[in-house]
Protein backbone atom coordinates (compact mmCIF):
# COMPACT_ATOMS: atom_id res chain seq x y z
CA UNK A 1 -0.12 -0.02 -0.11
CA UNK A 2 3.25 2.50 0.32
CA UNK A 3 2.67 2.61 -3.69
CA UNK A 4 -1.08 3.80 -3.19
CA UNK A 5 0.06 6.57 -0.57
CA UNK A 6 2.86 8.20 -2.43
CA UNK A 7 0.94 8.63 -5.36
CA UNK A 8 -1.88 10.18 -3.47
CA UNK A 9 0.45 12.37 -1.70
CA UNK A 10 1.64 13.64 -5.42
CA UNK A 11 -0.46 16.97 -5.88
CA UNK A 12 -3.79 17.80 -7.71
CA UNK A 13 -4.46 14.07 -6.40
CA UNK A 14 -7.89 13.18 -8.31
CA UNK A 15 -9.10 9.66 -7.74
CA UNK A 16 -10.71 9.96 -11.37
CA UNK A 17 -7.51 10.15 -13.07
CA UNK A 18 -5.35 8.05 -10.27
CA UNK A 19 -3.54 5.48 -11.51
CA UNK A 20 -4.26 1.68 -9.61
CA UNK A 21 -1.92 -1.34 -9.58
CA UNK A 22 -3.76 -4.04 -10.99
CA UNK A 23 -4.33 -6.98 -8.42
CA UNK A 24 -2.97 -9.64 -10.40
CA UNK A 25 -1.15 -11.85 -7.53
CA UNK A 26 -3.91 -13.42 -6.46
CA UNK A 27 -5.53 -16.45 -7.36
CA UNK A 28 -9.27 -17.08 -6.43
CA UNK A 29 -9.97 -20.62 -6.48
CA UNK A 30 -11.53 -23.11 -4.67
CA UNK A 31 -8.80 -23.44 -1.85
CA UNK A 32 -8.28 -19.13 -1.58
CA UNK A 33 -12.56 -19.38 -0.87
CA UNK A 34 -12.39 -21.94 1.08
CA UNK A 35 -9.89 -19.99 3.50
CA UNK A 36 -11.69 -16.68 3.30
CA UNK A 37 -14.91 -18.57 4.19
CA UNK A 38 -13.33 -19.29 7.43
CA UNK A 39 -11.86 -16.10 7.81
CA UNK A 40 -15.39 -14.64 7.26
CA UNK A 41 -16.46 -16.69 9.93
CA UNK A 42 -14.40 -14.86 12.50
CA UNK A 43 -16.30 -11.81 11.43
CA UNK A 44 -19.98 -12.41 10.56
CA UNK A 45 -22.95 -14.65 11.70
CA UNK A 46 -23.38 -17.73 9.67
CA UNK A 47 -26.16 -16.13 7.19
CA UNK A 48 -24.08 -12.92 6.89
CA UNK A 49 -20.85 -14.86 5.53
CA UNK A 50 -22.79 -16.61 2.88
CA UNK A 51 -24.31 -13.69 1.53
CA UNK A 52 -20.54 -12.06 1.79
CA UNK A 53 -18.96 -15.03 0.31
CA UNK A 54 -21.48 -14.81 -2.90
CA UNK A 55 -20.57 -11.29 -3.80
CA UNK A 56 -17.19 -11.47 -2.66
CA UNK A 57 -16.92 -14.45 -5.74
CA UNK A 58 -19.35 -12.49 -8.11
CA UNK A 59 -17.22 -9.11 -7.73
CA UNK A 60 -13.83 -10.10 -6.73
CA UNK A 61 -12.86 -8.78 -10.29
CA UNK A 62 -13.67 -5.04 -9.00
CA UNK A 63 -10.34 -5.13 -6.95
CA UNK A 64 -8.76 -7.14 -10.10
CA UNK A 65 -9.16 -4.66 -12.31
CA UNK A 66 -10.12 -1.75 -11.01
CA UNK A 67 -13.72 -1.40 -12.46
CA UNK A 68 -16.65 -0.93 -10.56
CA UNK A 69 -18.74 0.05 -13.33
CA UNK A 70 -21.46 -2.62 -12.59
CA UNK A 71 -22.02 -1.49 -8.86
CA UNK A 72 -23.65 1.48 -10.27
CA UNK A 73 -26.29 0.14 -11.69
CA UNK A 74 -27.41 -2.07 -9.23
CA UNK A 75 -30.38 -1.24 -6.51
CA UNK A 76 -29.22 0.62 -3.69
CA UNK A 77 -29.73 -2.54 -1.07
CA UNK A 78 -27.80 -4.65 -3.63
CA UNK A 79 -25.38 -2.60 -4.30
CA UNK A 80 -24.78 -1.78 -0.32
CA UNK A 81 -24.13 -5.53 -0.08
CA UNK A 82 -21.84 -5.47 -2.72
CA UNK A 83 -19.84 -2.73 -0.98
CA UNK A 84 -19.66 -4.33 2.19
CA UNK A 85 -18.58 -7.91 0.51
CA UNK A 86 -15.79 -5.82 -1.25
CA UNK A 87 -14.84 -3.87 1.76
CA UNK A 88 -14.41 -7.05 3.71
CA UNK A 89 -12.44 -9.08 0.92
CA UNK A 90 -9.85 -5.93 0.62
CA UNK A 91 -9.23 -6.03 3.92
CA UNK A 92 -8.35 -9.79 3.88
CA UNK A 93 -6.27 -9.14 0.76
CA UNK A 94 -4.60 -5.95 2.47
CA UNK A 95 -5.49 -3.46 -0.57
CA UNK A 96 -8.02 -1.80 1.86
CA UNK A 97 -6.74 1.75 0.87
CA UNK A 98 -6.98 0.38 -3.24
CA UNK A 99 -10.90 -0.60 -2.37
CA UNK A 100 -11.64 3.34 -0.88
CA UNK A 101 -9.77 4.73 -4.07
CA UNK A 102 -12.12 2.52 -6.15
CA UNK A 103 -14.88 3.79 -3.97
CA UNK A 104 -14.02 7.41 -4.52
CA UNK A 105 -13.36 7.11 -8.49
CA UNK A 106 -16.61 5.78 -8.84
CA UNK A 107 -18.34 7.90 -5.99
CA UNK A 108 -19.86 5.22 -4.13
CA UNK A 109 -21.73 6.22 -1.38
CA UNK A 110 -22.36 4.24 1.89
CA UNK A 111 -25.37 6.58 2.54
CA UNK A 112 -28.85 4.64 1.22
CA UNK A 113 -31.23 7.65 1.79
CA UNK A 114 -30.73 11.72 0.55
CA UNK A 115 -32.10 14.19 2.81
CA UNK A 116 -35.68 14.06 0.45
CA UNK A 117 -35.76 10.42 0.75
CA UNK A 118 -35.83 10.86 4.52
CA UNK A 119 -37.98 13.48 4.47
CA UNK A 120 -40.61 11.69 2.43
CA UNK A 121 -40.40 8.56 4.48
CA UNK A 122 -41.40 10.75 7.86
CA UNK A 123 -44.24 12.49 5.74
CA UNK A 124 -45.66 9.14 4.22
CA UNK A 125 -49.12 8.25 5.46
CA UNK A 126 -48.17 4.64 4.41
CA UNK A 127 -45.33 4.43 7.39
CA UNK A 128 -47.24 6.44 9.71
CA UNK A 129 -47.20 5.47 13.66
CA UNK A 130 -50.98 4.52 13.28
CA UNK A 131 -50.69 2.66 9.90
CA UNK A 132 -47.80 0.45 11.70
CA UNK A 133 -49.78 -0.14 14.28
CA UNK A 134 -52.86 -1.16 12.30
CA UNK A 135 -50.36 -3.47 10.23
CA UNK A 136 -49.25 -5.19 13.42
CA UNK A 137 -53.04 -5.43 14.69
CA UNK A 138 -53.79 -7.02 11.47
CA UNK A 139 -51.02 -9.68 11.41
CA UNK A 140 -51.19 -10.35 15.13
CA UNK A 141 -55.02 -10.87 14.36
CA UNK A 142 -54.76 -13.43 11.61
CA UNK A 143 -51.55 -15.37 12.93
CA UNK A 144 -51.50 -18.13 15.21
CA UNK A 145 -51.01 -17.04 18.79
CA UNK A 146 -47.11 -18.15 18.78
CA UNK A 147 -46.35 -16.03 16.11
CA UNK A 148 -48.54 -12.80 17.08
CA UNK A 149 -46.93 -13.02 20.56
CA UNK A 150 -43.26 -13.21 19.01
CA UNK A 151 -44.44 -9.53 17.39
CA UNK A 152 -45.84 -8.30 20.39
CA UNK A 153 -42.66 -9.07 22.10
CA UNK A 154 -41.04 -7.31 19.72
CA UNK A 155 -42.79 -4.66 19.68
CA UNK A 156 -42.62 -3.88 23.20
CA UNK A 157 -38.57 -4.72 23.49
CA UNK A 158 -37.61 -2.53 20.23
CA UNK A 159 -34.93 -5.23 19.15
CA UNK A 160 -34.40 -6.02 15.54
CA UNK A 161 -36.63 -9.09 14.55
CA UNK A 162 -33.82 -11.95 14.69
CA UNK A 163 -32.38 -10.50 17.98
CA UNK A 164 -36.27 -10.60 19.31
CA UNK A 165 -36.38 -14.40 18.57
CA UNK A 166 -33.24 -15.18 19.76
CA UNK A 167 -34.32 -13.04 22.93
CA UNK A 168 -37.17 -15.46 23.38
CA UNK A 169 -35.04 -18.31 23.03
CA UNK A 170 -32.66 -17.12 25.24
CA UNK A 171 -35.18 -16.46 28.11
CA UNK A 172 -36.22 -20.00 27.37
CA UNK A 173 -32.95 -21.57 27.99
CA UNK A 174 -30.72 -19.11 29.86
CA UNK A 175 -32.97 -16.50 32.25
CA UNK A 176 -31.08 -16.81 35.05
CA UNK A 177 -27.68 -15.23 33.53
CA UNK A 178 -29.92 -12.98 31.25
CA UNK A 179 -32.33 -11.12 33.45
CA UNK A 180 -31.33 -8.39 36.48
CA UNK A 181 -33.70 -9.30 38.73
CA UNK A 182 -33.23 -6.33 40.85
CA UNK A 183 -34.35 -3.77 38.10
CA UNK A 184 -35.91 -6.32 35.38
CA UNK A 185 -33.43 -5.57 32.67
CA UNK A 186 -32.70 -8.26 30.09
CA UNK A 187 -28.47 -7.92 29.49
CA UNK A 188 -27.69 -8.78 26.28
CA UNK A 189 -24.59 -7.59 26.42
CA UNK A 190 -23.79 -10.56 28.50
CA UNK A 191 -24.04 -12.88 25.46
CA UNK A 192 -21.82 -11.15 22.67
CA UNK A 193 -21.65 -14.16 20.42
CA UNK A 194 -25.55 -13.30 20.16
CA UNK A 195 -26.17 -9.55 20.22
CA UNK A 196 -22.87 -8.03 20.10
CA UNK A 197 -21.78 -8.02 16.21
CA UNK A 198 -19.78 -5.75 14.03
CA UNK A 199 -22.29 -3.25 13.00
CA UNK A 200 -25.57 -4.23 14.94
CA UNK A 201 -25.71 -4.18 18.53
CA UNK A 202 -28.31 -4.83 21.69
CA UNK A 203 -27.02 -3.95 25.12
CA UNK A 204 -30.35 -3.90 27.10
CA UNK A 205 -34.16 -4.40 27.14
CA UNK A 206 -36.07 -3.08 30.15
CA UNK A 207 -39.38 -5.58 30.28
CA UNK A 208 -41.42 -6.24 32.84
CA UNK A 209 -43.35 -9.41 34.63
CA UNK A 210 -46.29 -9.24 31.76
CA UNK A 211 -43.71 -9.07 28.74
CA UNK A 212 -41.59 -11.94 30.42
CA UNK A 213 -44.54 -14.08 30.86
CA UNK A 214 -45.17 -13.27 26.38
CA UNK A 215 -41.72 -14.60 26.12
CA UNK A 216 -41.96 -18.11 28.12
CA UNK A 217 -45.16 -18.70 27.29
CA UNK A 218 -44.19 -18.43 23.44
CA UNK A 219 -42.43 -21.25 21.94
CA UNK A 220 -38.92 -19.95 20.01
CA UNK A 221 -39.15 -19.41 16.19
CA UNK A 222 -36.87 -18.54 13.64
CA UNK A 223 -37.14 -14.72 12.21
CA UNK A 224 -37.47 -17.26 8.61
CA UNK A 225 -40.49 -19.32 9.95
CA UNK A 226 -42.36 -16.00 10.86
CA UNK A 227 -41.99 -14.60 7.66
CA UNK A 228 -43.31 -17.29 5.86
CA UNK A 229 -46.34 -17.66 8.40
CA UNK A 230 -46.80 -13.97 7.49
CA UNK A 231 -46.69 -14.49 3.97
CA UNK A 232 -49.03 -17.46 4.16
CA UNK A 233 -51.77 -14.73 5.61
CA UNK A 234 -51.15 -12.64 2.51
CA UNK A 235 -49.68 -9.83 4.19
CA UNK A 236 -46.20 -7.92 3.62
CA UNK A 237 -43.81 -9.04 5.80
CA UNK A 238 -43.59 -5.59 7.90
CA UNK A 239 -42.24 -6.95 11.03
CA UNK A 240 -39.39 -4.04 11.33
CA UNK A 241 -42.40 -1.87 12.00
CA UNK A 242 -42.06 -3.38 15.35
CA UNK A 243 -38.75 -1.60 16.19
CA UNK A 244 -40.13 1.67 14.73
CA UNK A 245 -43.25 1.67 16.73
CA UNK A 246 -41.34 1.08 19.95
CA UNK A 247 -38.95 3.95 19.13
CA UNK A 248 -41.66 6.14 17.92
CA UNK A 249 -43.97 5.71 21.06
CA UNK A 250 -41.05 6.13 23.35
CA UNK A 251 -40.12 9.60 21.69
CA UNK A 252 -43.52 10.77 21.48
CA UNK A 253 -44.20 9.76 25.36
CA UNK A 254 -41.21 12.10 26.45
CA UNK A 255 -38.41 9.54 26.51
CA UNK A 256 -34.92 11.07 25.43
CA UNK A 257 -33.51 10.01 22.27
CA UNK A 258 -30.04 8.91 23.96
CA UNK A 259 -32.35 6.59 25.96
CA UNK A 260 -33.96 5.40 22.89
CA UNK A 261 -30.92 4.79 21.09
CA UNK A 262 -29.22 2.71 23.94
CA UNK A 263 -32.36 0.48 24.14
CA UNK A 264 -31.83 -0.35 20.43
CA UNK A 265 -27.96 -0.92 20.21
CA UNK A 266 -27.23 2.53 19.14
CA UNK A 267 -24.29 4.07 20.98
CA UNK A 268 -24.18 8.12 20.96
CA UNK A 269 -22.24 9.52 18.60
CA UNK A 270 -22.43 13.56 19.76
CA UNK A 271 -19.75 15.09 21.90
CA UNK A 272 -22.08 16.05 24.27
CA UNK A 273 -23.87 12.48 24.58
CA UNK A 274 -20.58 10.92 24.76
CA UNK A 275 -18.83 13.13 27.50
CA UNK A 276 -21.77 15.31 29.32
CA UNK A 277 -24.90 13.73 28.98
CA UNK A 278 -25.02 11.87 32.49
CA UNK A 279 -28.92 11.71 33.42
CA UNK A 280 -30.58 9.58 36.03
CA UNK A 281 -31.46 5.96 33.76
CA UNK A 282 -35.26 5.99 35.16
CA UNK A 283 -35.84 2.57 33.67
CA UNK A 284 -39.37 2.30 35.62
CA UNK A 285 -40.69 5.70 33.85
CA UNK A 286 -39.50 3.44 30.48
CA UNK A 287 -41.63 0.33 31.68
CA UNK A 288 -44.39 2.89 32.43
CA UNK A 289 -44.06 4.03 28.82
CA UNK A 290 -44.14 0.74 27.25
CA UNK A 291 -47.14 -0.29 29.27
CA UNK A 292 -49.12 2.46 27.57
CA UNK A 293 -47.81 1.13 23.99
CA UNK A 294 -49.20 -2.19 25.10
CA UNK A 295 -52.52 -0.70 25.33
CA UNK A 296 -52.07 0.80 22.31
CA UNK A 297 -51.49 -2.47 20.14
CA UNK A 298 -52.97 -5.06 21.89
CA UNK A 299 -55.90 -6.69 20.33
């Protein structure tokens, strides 16, 4: 990478005309992909590993030939998956600097949405709080109780759909090392192999006896099985609404954004939040707010 750094230091650096070395010293054979697969398993979950490996095999030529033209024509979500797989592959190969320059040259952005798109999402009546609650009620009324209660648990904890499924499974199998009895908080961080990942985390969830009872009485299901169950009742799968319902309700109920971020696995990014914001964590106030949410979404 010394070559790259030296050329970047030249006056008038322009990624559009920058000369990148052709990556020809890697033989992408079965042996290579087998070793790379083992590396990915140390970084990602099994499901994410397969996606990353698949896209790496298909788009490895981007790093080889410095040609990302085809990536530009992909849909936003697929483009991000391809970019993530190429970033991981370039780190494994030791040419991440080169990948960053390719991104600059082709103006490949990590951001999925522009400001106008975000504005439209907020103002879109089809994604409003009431419409999301209505979808949740419709889905729960048509699903069997075991699936319906997973959606309910998901909305009352604000976890990601897959996290909610794994949380219920953990409540069944290891509640003693998961629940803080004094505060009635589920401590996801004690199980980093499940909840602490490279880009998506879950730290804690404030629960009550009734929320725990929902989880205890609900058989553990995978996210995929819930998705198939929703498809069978002819509804679009919008389980991600549960997390949005949780966050929107708490914010409307006066819970500080910093606490909502914490409950949804996001660490603060502002200087104020990181270094100065130190309020008392009133979990009972949050629990009361979640109780009012349950009144809104029950059927």
